[in-house]
Protein backbone atom coordinates (compact mmCIF):
# COMPACT_ATOMS: atom_id res chain seq x y z
CA MET A 1 0.00 0.00 0.00
CA ILE A 2 2.79 2.45 0.88
CA LYS A 3 4.60 1.79 -2.38
CA LYS A 4 1.44 2.49 -4.36
CA LEU A 5 0.92 5.80 -2.55
CA THR A 6 4.53 6.73 -3.21
CA ASP A 7 4.12 5.89 -6.89
CA LEU A 8 0.95 7.95 -7.05
CA PHE A 9 2.61 10.87 -5.31
CA GLY A 10 5.58 10.73 -7.68
CA LYS A 11 3.35 10.70 -10.74
CA LYS A 12 1.18 13.47 -9.40
CA ASN A 13 4.16 15.79 -8.85
CA LYS A 14 6.26 14.73 -11.84
CA ASP A 15 5.37 17.82 -13.86
CA LYS A 16 5.13 20.19 -10.91
CA LYS A 17 5.87 23.72 -12.00
CA LEU A 18 6.16 26.54 -9.52
CA ARG A 19 5.66 30.12 -10.70
CA PHE A 20 6.89 33.32 -9.13
CA LYS A 21 6.79 37.06 -9.80
CA THR A 22 10.33 38.49 -9.62
CA ASN A 23 12.43 41.51 -10.48
CA ILE A 24 14.88 39.42 -12.55
CA ASN A 25 14.70 41.58 -15.66
CA CYS A 26 17.71 40.98 -17.92
CA GLY A 27 20.31 38.48 -19.02
CA GLY A 28 22.74 39.73 -16.39
CA CYS A 29 20.15 39.15 -13.67
CA VAL A 30 19.49 35.65 -14.98
CA ALA A 31 23.23 34.98 -14.94
CA THR A 32 23.39 36.09 -11.29
CA VAL A 33 20.59 33.72 -10.25
CA LYS A 34 21.87 30.83 -12.39
CA PRO A 35 24.41 29.37 -9.91
CA TYR A 36 21.81 29.36 -7.15
CA LEU A 37 19.18 27.46 -9.15
CA ASP A 38 21.51 25.31 -11.25
CA GLY A 39 23.30 24.20 -8.09
CA VAL A 40 20.25 22.22 -6.93
CA ALA A 41 20.07 18.82 -8.63
CA GLU A 42 16.36 18.45 -7.80
CA ILE A 43 15.48 21.45 -9.98
CA GLU A 44 14.90 19.87 -13.38
CA GLU A 45 14.66 23.14 -15.29
CA TRP A 46 13.86 26.79 -14.79
CA GLU A 47 13.37 29.92 -16.85
CA VAL A 48 12.56 33.58 -16.42
CA ASP A 49 10.20 35.31 -18.83
CA THR A 50 11.90 38.71 -18.87
CA ALA A 51 9.50 39.92 -21.58
CA ASN A 52 6.57 39.55 -19.17
CA LYS A 53 5.97 42.68 -17.08
CA ASP A 54 5.95 40.51 -13.92
CA LYS A 55 9.25 38.77 -14.84
CA ILE A 56 7.81 35.30 -14.23
CA LEU A 57 10.19 32.62 -12.95
CA THR A 58 8.97 29.08 -13.67
CA VAL A 59 10.70 26.20 -11.90
CA LYS A 60 10.08 22.53 -12.69
CA THR A 61 10.80 20.33 -9.68
CA GLU A 62 9.37 17.34 -7.87
CA ILE A 63 11.01 17.98 -4.51
CA VAL A 64 12.20 21.56 -3.91
CA SER A 65 9.70 23.67 -1.99
CA GLU A 66 8.36 27.05 -2.98
CA LYS A 67 9.95 28.50 0.17
CA ASP A 68 13.40 27.09 -0.69
CA ILE A 69 13.29 28.56 -4.20
CA MET A 70 12.25 31.92 -2.81
CA GLU A 71 15.16 31.86 -0.36
CA MET A 72 17.66 31.04 -3.14
CA VAL A 73 16.48 33.91 -5.33
CA GLN A 74 16.55 36.30 -2.37
CA LYS A 75 20.12 35.20 -1.54
CA ALA A 76 21.02 36.11 -5.14
CA GLY A 77 19.70 39.62 -4.37
CA TYR A 78 16.31 39.62 -6.08
CA LYS A 79 12.72 40.08 -5.01
CA ILE A 80 10.35 37.15 -5.45
CA GLU A 81 6.79 36.28 -4.57
CA ALA A 82 4.75 33.16 -5.22
CA LEU A 83 1.91 33.29 -7.74
């Protein structure tokens, strides 16, 4: 029973995408944040839509929490809030 719940949980969160409003607004800003987000193996991919007025950061992960991502971006020197 536990294995089945674990399998279900894994499938449910496999395509989990977290979205945030940030002030990451250019290639230089993205380069500053890159080591913080790329340094976490559990983050499968991430991107910042700098063309969007809200500078939306999308993070694909199964494990990393919204809070942890927010802390990483803040450590890089940027503002971030969950959507």
